[in-house]
Amino acid sequence: MDDEKHVMGLVSEADLVRKEELRDGGFAPHTLPLRPDDLTKPAAATAGELMSVPAVTVRIDATLPEAARRMARHGVKRLPVVDAQPG
């Protein structure tokens, strides 16, 4: 989180697996297509270099169908929940 308490990014298991897979040159068919930030992941040494940005979040007052649609739309399996009020 930044100084204003906004989620800056998210490191997921998928990020770590993709990093190792790309580092070793393993481009399995199920991993394609590559996203633009995938090309920088093999060299990442810190969470900041590896994290997915922007972080996809959901507000605490979102309905479950809204959260599910957000996850599907952005292709994520993790969804940090944030306060309904900014800051």
C-alpha atoms as a PDB file:
ATOM      1  CA  MET A   1       0.000   0.000   0.000  1.00  0.00           C
ATOM      2  CA  ASP A   2       1.144   3.508  -0.649  1.00  0.00           C
ATOM      3  CA  ASP A   3       1.059   6.418   1.799  1.00  0.00           C
ATOM      4  CA  GLU A   4      -2.571   7.072   0.862  1.00  0.00           C
ATOM      5  CA  LYS A   5      -3.451   3.422   1.629  1.00  0.00           C
ATOM      6  CA  HIS A   6      -4.059   2.427  -1.993  1.00  0.00           C
ATOM      7  CA  VAL A   7      -3.121  -1.104  -3.011  1.00  0.00           C
ATOM      8  CA  MET A   8      -0.102  -0.720  -5.286  1.00  0.00           C
ATOM      9  CA  GLY A   9       0.076  -4.199  -6.747  1.00  0.00           C
ATOM     10  CA  LEU A  10      -0.293  -7.871  -6.030  1.00  0.00           C
ATOM     11  CA  VAL A  11       2.162 -10.756  -6.161  1.00  0.00           C
ATOM     12  CA  SER A  12       0.298 -13.975  -6.776  1.00  0.00           C
ATOM     13  CA  GLU A  13       1.308 -17.584  -7.091  1.00  0.00           C
ATOM     14  CA  ALA A  14       0.630 -17.207 -10.815  1.00  0.00           C
ATOM     15  CA  ASP A  15       3.166 -14.344 -11.006  1.00  0.00           C
ATOM     16  CA  LEU A  16       5.829 -16.471  -9.324  1.00  0.00           C
ATOM     17  CA  VAL A  17       5.126 -19.535 -11.464  1.00  0.00           C
ATOM     18  CA  ARG A  18       5.129 -17.459 -14.668  1.00  0.00           C
ATOM     19  CA  LYS A  19       8.452 -15.854 -13.654  1.00  0.00           C
ATOM     20  CA  GLU A  20      10.139 -19.216 -13.186  1.00  0.00           C
ATOM     21  CA  GLU A  21       8.572 -20.665 -16.305  1.00  0.00           C
ATOM     22  CA  LEU A  22       9.748 -17.758 -18.469  1.00  0.00           C
ATOM     23  CA  ARG A  23      13.173 -17.665 -16.814  1.00  0.00           C
ATOM     24  CA  ASP A  24      13.747 -21.257 -17.832  1.00  0.00           C
ATOM     25  CA  GLY A  25      12.479 -20.609 -21.363  1.00  0.00           C
ATOM     26  CA  GLY A  26       9.441 -22.819 -20.874  1.00  0.00           C
ATOM     27  CA  PHE A  27       6.747 -21.443 -23.141  1.00  0.00           C
ATOM     28  CA  ALA A  28       4.107 -24.138 -22.770  1.00  0.00           C
ATOM     29  CA  PRO A  29       1.042 -23.683 -25.004  1.00  0.00           C
ATOM     30  CA  HIS A  30      -1.263 -23.208 -22.013  1.00  0.00           C
ATOM     31  CA  THR A  31       0.732 -20.139 -20.903  1.00  0.00           C
ATOM     32  CA  LEU A  32       0.232 -18.186 -24.106  1.00  0.00           C
ATOM     33  CA  PRO A  33      -0.578 -15.476 -24.973  1.00  0.00           C
ATOM     34  CA  LEU A  34       2.022 -13.499 -23.101  1.00  0.00           C
ATOM     35  CA  ARG A  35       1.039 -10.233 -21.477  1.00  0.00           C
ATOM     36  CA  PRO A  36       3.359  -7.231 -21.953  1.00  0.00           C
ATOM     37  CA  ASP A  37       4.544  -7.337 -18.332  1.00  0.00           C
ATOM     38  CA  ASP A  38       5.392 -11.062 -18.604  1.00  0.00           C
ATOM     39  CA  LEU A  39       8.566 -10.161 -20.454  1.00  0.00           C
ATOM     40  CA  THR A  40       9.982  -8.343 -17.414  1.00  0.00           C
ATOM     41  CA  LYS A  41       9.056 -11.016 -14.855  1.00  0.00           C
ATOM     42  CA  PRO A  42      12.008 -13.397 -15.430  1.00  0.00           C
ATOM     43  CA  ALA A  43      14.448 -10.702 -14.254  1.00  0.00           C
ATOM     44  CA  ALA A  44      12.377  -9.609 -11.234  1.00  0.00           C
ATOM     45  CA  ALA A  45      14.221  -9.722  -7.912  1.00  0.00           C
ATOM     46  CA  THR A  46      11.743  -7.820  -5.732  1.00  0.00           C
ATOM     47  CA  ALA A  47       8.011  -7.927  -5.104  1.00  0.00           C
ATOM     48  CA  GLY A  48       7.733  -4.488  -6.695  1.00  0.00           C
ATOM     49  CA  GLU A  49       9.306  -5.738  -9.905  1.00  0.00           C
ATOM     50  CA  LEU A  50       7.155  -8.868  -9.998  1.00  0.00           C
ATOM     51  CA  MET A  51       3.778  -7.588  -8.858  1.00  0.00           C
ATOM     52  CA  SER A  52       0.824  -7.305 -11.165  1.00  0.00           C
ATOM     53  CA  VAL A  53      -0.215  -3.693 -11.598  1.00  0.00           C
ATOM     54  CA  PRO A  54      -2.585  -2.107 -11.298  1.00  0.00           C
ATOM     55  CA  ALA A  55      -3.936  -4.229  -8.485  1.00  0.00           C
ATOM     56  CA  VAL A  56      -7.489  -5.292  -9.210  1.00  0.00           C
ATOM     57  CA  THR A  57      -9.516  -4.724  -6.051  1.00  0.00           C
ATOM     58  CA  VAL A  58     -13.141  -4.791  -4.971  1.00  0.00           C
ATOM     59  CA  ARG A  59     -14.869  -2.551  -2.491  1.00  0.00           C
ATOM     60  CA  ILE A  60     -16.126  -4.060   0.742  1.00  0.00           C
ATOM     61  CA  ASP A  61     -19.724  -3.248  -0.187  1.00  0.00           C
ATOM     62  CA  ALA A  62     -19.586  -4.978  -3.596  1.00  0.00           C
ATOM     63  CA  THR A  63     -21.994  -7.843  -4.106  1.00  0.00           C
ATOM     64  CA  LEU A  64     -20.590 -11.312  -4.741  1.00  0.00           C
ATOM     65  CA  PRO A  65     -21.791 -11.286  -8.371  1.00  0.00           C
ATOM     66  CA  GLU A  66     -19.997  -7.938  -8.855  1.00  0.00           C
ATOM     67  CA  ALA A  67     -16.807  -9.386  -7.381  1.00  0.00           C
ATOM     68  CA  ALA A  68     -17.070 -12.485  -9.581  1.00  0.00           C
ATOM     69  CA  ARG A  69     -17.591 -10.385 -12.728  1.00  0.00           C
ATOM     70  CA  ARG A  70     -14.581  -8.210 -11.818  1.00  0.00           C
ATOM     71  CA  MET A  71     -12.406 -11.286 -11.368  1.00  0.00           C
ATOM     72  CA  ALA A  72     -13.574 -12.771 -14.677  1.00  0.00           C
ATOM     73  CA  ARG A  73     -13.178  -9.505 -16.560  1.00  0.00           C
ATOM     74  CA  HIS A  74      -9.592  -9.030 -15.346  1.00  0.00           C
ATOM     75  CA  GLY A  75      -8.600 -12.695 -15.373  1.00  0.00           C
ATOM     76  CA  VAL A  76      -7.536 -12.764 -11.715  1.00  0.00           C
ATOM     77  CA  LYS A  77      -7.963 -15.387  -9.005  1.00  0.00           C
ATOM     78  CA  ARG A  78      -7.286 -13.101  -6.059  1.00  0.00           C
ATOM     79  CA  LEU A  79      -9.212  -9.947  -5.270  1.00  0.00           C
ATOM     80  CA  PRO A  80      -8.115  -7.739  -2.367  1.00  0.00           C
ATOM     81  CA  VAL A  81     -11.081  -6.153  -0.576  1.00  0.00           C
ATOM     82  CA  VAL A  82     -10.704  -2.457   0.223  1.00  0.00           C
ATOM     83  CA  ASP A  83     -12.692   0.039   2.289  1.00  0.00           C
ATOM     84  CA  ALA A  84     -15.794   1.542   0.742  1.00  0.00           C
ATOM     85  CA  GLN A  85     -14.430   5.004   1.536  1.00  0.00           C
ATOM     86  CA  PRO A  86     -11.171   6.154  -0.147  1.00  0.00           C
ATOM     87  CA  GLY A  87      -8.152   6.619   2.108  1.00  0.00           C
END
